[in-house]
Amino acid sequence: RPVKDLIAERTPQTVGLVLAAIGVLVLLAFSLPLGLGLTGRMEWLSWLDRVWGSAAAIPPYVLAVLLLMVFGGWLELVPTIFDPKLPIAWLLPAFVLAAYPTAIVLKLFHQEIEAARSSLYVLRARAMGLSEARILLTEILPNAVTPALAALANSLAFFITGTFFVEVVFGMTGLGSLTYEAIRNKDLALLVGLCVVFAAVISIVSALLDMGLILVNPRLRRQHG
């Protein structure tokens, strides 16, 4: 069969997995810290950073097996056999795939927020009588989010390579499992096609994130101008 047909059949499931993993990353690495900051509970962010960093230190294939054993076999909260029609079946694969990139982005975002909170421009904003919520959104966030987005761009390759382990463990039929099958069967033509697709996707998304960084950070806009 043509390589493009095989890739086209498997692409939707991998795209869904990566999008779900990015959603987990955005929720835990960006939305949750901002929510803690707006509610005045920034001290919880250090605890979240440490806990998530410990979980992300576990290799993805080990973490996938452990979570499947606990939530699928012991607690029976998720199906042990992946069913793409069940939304809950996507939860554990997305969590495993997002674990390591989320730890990196969350740690960097936390560090940048703490550094910005003690900066001179935040001190000026407090002296002007601005609320802490407004300072977080208008003064801290534009400066703290830029390094975190850059870290996200550098983690894109992990979203691709991580699918190799996640899809095989959870029994998903995406590009990751297709790559595993191509390696096992020594299918060179299929491997070349997959490598071209992965390289093109990473390049395009990296370029889009770079454009996003320029739009978010005024200093980068002035440099490019």
Protein backbone atom coordinates (compact mmCIF):
# COMPACT_ATOMS: atom_id res chain seq x y z
CA ARG A 1 0.00 0.00 0.00
CA PRO A 2 1.19 3.59 -0.57
CA VAL A 3 2.95 5.10 2.42
CA LYS A 4 0.76 8.21 2.28
CA ASP A 5 -2.37 6.09 2.72
CA LEU A 6 -0.98 4.39 5.82
CA ILE A 7 0.04 7.73 7.32
CA ALA A 8 -3.31 9.35 6.47
CA GLU A 9 -5.19 6.53 8.24
CA ARG A 10 -3.15 6.84 11.45
CA THR A 11 -2.79 10.62 11.63
CA PRO A 12 -6.16 11.57 13.23
CA GLN A 13 -5.56 9.55 16.39
CA THR A 14 -2.06 10.97 16.91
CA VAL A 15 -3.30 14.51 16.27
CA GLY A 16 -6.03 13.99 18.85
CA LEU A 17 -3.52 12.64 21.38
CA VAL A 18 -1.08 15.53 20.87
CA LEU A 19 -3.86 18.13 21.10
CA ALA A 20 -5.15 16.54 24.30
CA ALA A 21 -1.61 16.53 25.74
CA ILE A 22 -1.13 20.19 24.83
CA GLY A 23 -4.45 20.91 26.54
CA VAL A 24 -3.15 19.23 29.71
CA LEU A 25 0.05 21.27 29.46
CA VAL A 26 -1.78 24.57 29.00
CA LEU A 27 -4.10 23.79 31.90
CA LEU A 28 -1.39 22.78 34.38
CA ALA A 29 1.55 24.91 33.28
CA PHE A 30 -0.25 28.18 32.40
CA SER A 31 -3.91 28.32 33.48
CA LEU A 32 -3.47 26.81 36.94
CA PRO A 33 -0.54 29.07 37.96
CA LEU A 34 -2.49 32.11 36.78
CA GLY A 35 -5.53 30.96 38.72
CA LEU A 36 -3.44 30.52 41.86
CA GLY A 37 -1.97 33.98 41.36
CA LEU A 38 -5.35 35.63 40.88
CA THR A 39 -6.69 33.98 44.05
CA GLY A 40 -3.62 34.90 46.11
CA ARG A 41 -2.36 31.34 46.56
CA MET A 42 1.01 31.54 44.87
CA GLU A 43 2.61 29.44 47.62
CA TRP A 44 0.74 26.43 46.22
CA LEU A 45 2.66 26.83 42.96
CA SER A 46 5.92 25.67 44.58
CA TRP A 47 4.18 22.54 45.84
CA LEU A 48 2.69 21.85 42.40
CA ASP A 49 6.09 22.36 40.78
CA ARG A 50 7.77 19.82 43.07
CA VAL A 51 5.04 17.19 42.81
CA TRP A 52 4.73 17.38 39.04
CA GLY A 53 8.51 17.40 38.62
CA SER A 54 8.74 14.14 40.58
CA ALA A 55 6.07 12.49 38.42
CA ALA A 56 7.71 13.71 35.20
CA ALA A 57 11.02 12.13 36.22
CA ILE A 58 9.50 8.69 35.59
CA PRO A 59 10.14 7.45 32.00
CA PRO A 60 6.96 7.72 29.89
CA TYR A 61 6.64 4.00 29.19
CA VAL A 62 6.98 3.20 32.92
CA LEU A 63 4.52 5.96 33.88
CA ALA A 64 2.06 4.71 31.26
CA VAL A 65 2.17 1.15 32.59
CA LEU A 66 1.81 2.29 36.22
CA LEU A 67 -1.15 4.56 35.51
CA LEU A 68 -2.86 1.91 33.40
CA MET A 69 -2.41 -0.64 36.18
CA VAL A 70 -3.75 1.71 38.88
CA PHE A 71 -6.60 3.54 37.09
CA GLY A 72 -7.47 0.84 34.58
CA GLY A 73 -6.84 -2.41 36.42
CA TRP A 74 -7.15 -1.56 40.12
CA LEU A 75 -9.61 1.36 40.30
CA GLU A 76 -11.32 0.52 36.98
CA LEU A 77 -11.90 4.21 36.23
CA VAL A 78 -10.68 4.04 32.63
CA PRO A 79 -10.87 1.22 30.06
CA THR A 80 -7.75 -0.94 29.85
CA ILE A 81 -8.31 -1.32 26.09
CA PHE A 82 -8.23 2.05 24.35
CA ASP A 83 -11.49 3.12 22.75
CA PRO A 84 -11.23 6.40 20.77
CA LYS A 85 -14.99 6.93 21.10
CA LEU A 86 -14.75 7.29 24.90
CA PRO A 87 -13.46 10.73 25.99
CA ILE A 88 -12.15 9.34 29.30
CA ALA A 89 -9.95 6.89 27.39
CA TRP A 90 -7.87 9.85 26.13
CA LEU A 91 -7.14 11.14 29.63
CA LEU A 92 -4.30 8.85 30.71
CA PRO A 93 -2.42 8.87 27.36
CA ALA A 94 -2.61 12.68 27.25
CA PHE A 95 -1.42 12.90 30.87
CA VAL A 96 1.58 10.64 30.21
CA LEU A 97 2.54 12.41 26.99
CA ALA A 98 2.31 15.84 28.63
CA ALA A 99 4.08 14.94 31.89
CA TYR A 100 7.68 15.79 30.97
CA PRO A 101 7.05 18.93 28.83
CA THR A 102 4.62 20.23 31.46
CA ALA A 103 7.25 19.88 34.19
CA ILE A 104 9.76 21.91 32.18
CA VAL A 105 7.32 24.66 31.18
CA LEU A 106 5.77 24.85 34.66
CA LYS A 107 9.13 25.14 36.40
CA LEU A 108 10.34 27.85 34.04
CA PHE A 109 7.05 29.76 34.21
CA HIS A 110 7.14 29.58 38.02
CA GLN A 111 10.72 30.88 38.12
CA GLU A 112 9.91 33.74 35.78
CA ILE A 113 6.83 34.72 37.82
CA GLU A 114 8.86 34.79 41.03
CA ALA A 115 11.61 36.83 39.39
CA ALA A 116 9.09 39.30 37.97
CA ARG A 117 7.31 39.74 41.32
CA SER A 118 10.51 41.16 42.83
CA SER A 119 11.39 43.33 39.82
CA LEU A 120 11.47 47.13 39.73
CA TYR A 121 8.59 47.48 37.26
CA VAL A 122 6.31 45.46 39.54
CA LEU A 123 7.42 47.61 42.47
CA ARG A 124 6.49 50.69 40.41
CA ALA A 125 3.08 49.19 39.63
CA ARG A 126 2.42 48.53 43.31
CA ALA A 127 3.47 52.09 44.13
CA MET A 128 0.91 53.32 41.60
CA GLY A 129 -1.80 51.45 43.52
CA LEU A 130 -2.56 48.72 40.95
CA SER A 131 -4.23 45.57 42.28
CA GLU A 132 -2.26 42.34 42.47
CA ALA A 133 -4.53 40.74 39.86
CA ARG A 134 -3.91 43.56 37.40
CA ILE A 135 -0.18 43.48 38.09
CA LEU A 136 -0.14 39.75 37.40
CA LEU A 137 -2.01 40.06 34.10
CA THR A 138 -0.50 43.26 32.71
CA GLU A 139 3.01 43.40 34.20
CA ILE A 140 4.15 39.91 35.16
CA LEU A 141 2.44 37.69 32.58
CA PRO A 142 3.81 39.31 29.37
CA ASN A 143 7.37 39.00 30.68
CA ALA A 144 7.06 35.57 32.33
CA VAL A 145 5.23 33.80 29.52
CA THR A 146 7.87 34.37 26.84
CA PRO A 147 10.53 31.94 28.22
CA ALA A 148 7.79 29.41 28.97
CA LEU A 149 6.55 29.51 25.38
CA ALA A 150 10.13 29.12 24.16
CA ALA A 151 10.46 26.04 26.38
CA LEU A 152 7.23 24.70 24.90
CA ALA A 153 8.68 25.14 21.40
CA ASN A 154 11.78 23.20 22.43
CA SER A 155 9.60 20.41 23.81
CA LEU A 156 7.68 19.82 20.58
CA ALA A 157 9.95 16.97 19.55
CA PHE A 158 9.06 15.15 22.76
CA PHE A 159 5.37 15.22 21.83
CA ILE A 160 6.30 13.32 18.67
CA THR A 161 8.79 10.83 20.11
CA GLY A 162 6.64 10.32 23.21
CA THR A 163 3.82 8.96 21.09
CA PHE A 164 6.00 5.94 20.27
CA PHE A 165 5.78 4.70 23.86
CA VAL A 166 2.34 6.04 24.78
CA GLU A 167 0.50 4.62 21.78
CA VAL A 168 2.14 1.21 22.09
CA VAL A 169 1.38 0.87 25.83
CA PHE A 170 -2.23 2.06 25.54
CA GLY A 171 -2.92 0.19 22.31
CA MET A 172 -3.58 3.28 20.19
CA THR A 173 -3.38 3.08 16.40
CA GLY A 174 -1.63 6.34 15.57
CA LEU A 175 1.63 7.39 13.97
CA GLY A 176 3.61 6.37 17.04
CA SER A 177 2.49 2.75 16.87
CA LEU A 178 2.90 2.86 13.09
CA THR A 179 6.53 3.94 13.57
CA TYR A 180 7.05 1.09 16.03
CA GLU A 181 5.64 -1.38 13.51
CA ALA A 182 7.84 0.05 10.74
CA ILE A 183 10.95 -0.33 12.91
CA ARG A 184 9.99 -3.87 13.92
CA ASN A 185 9.31 -4.85 10.29
CA LYS A 186 12.34 -2.92 8.95
CA ASP A 187 10.06 -1.02 6.58
CA LEU A 188 12.49 1.65 5.39
CA ALA A 189 10.10 3.36 2.97
CA LEU A 190 7.51 3.86 5.69
CA LEU A 191 10.13 5.13 8.15
CA VAL A 192 11.33 7.73 5.65
CA GLY A 193 7.79 8.94 5.08
CA LEU A 194 7.12 9.19 8.83
CA CYS A 195 10.37 11.08 9.43
CA VAL A 196 9.44 13.60 6.72
CA VAL A 197 6.00 14.12 8.28
CA PHE A 198 7.43 14.53 11.81
CA ALA A 199 10.09 16.98 10.63
CA ALA A 200 7.56 19.07 8.69
CA VAL A 201 5.12 19.23 11.60
CA ILE A 202 7.79 20.23 14.13
CA SER A 203 9.17 22.91 11.79
CA ILE A 204 5.75 24.42 11.09
CA VAL A 205 4.63 24.47 14.72
CA SER A 206 7.99 25.88 15.86
CA ALA A 207 7.65 28.70 13.34
CA LEU A 208 4.12 29.46 14.57
CA LEU A 209 5.30 29.55 18.18
CA ASP A 210 8.14 31.90 17.23
CA MET A 211 5.60 34.21 15.63
CA GLY A 212 3.51 33.98 18.79
CA LEU A 213 6.50 35.00 20.90
CA ILE A 214 6.99 38.08 18.75
CA LEU A 215 3.34 39.04 19.16
CA VAL A 216 3.36 38.52 22.94
CA ASN A 217 6.66 40.24 23.78
CA PRO A 218 6.87 43.95 22.79
CA ARG A 219 10.68 43.91 22.99
CA LEU A 220 10.86 41.17 20.35
CA ARG A 221 8.49 43.17 18.14
CA ARG A 222 10.78 46.19 18.35
CA GLN A 223 13.84 44.08 17.53
CA HIS A 224 12.19 42.62 14.44
CA GLY A 225 10.86 46.02 13.47
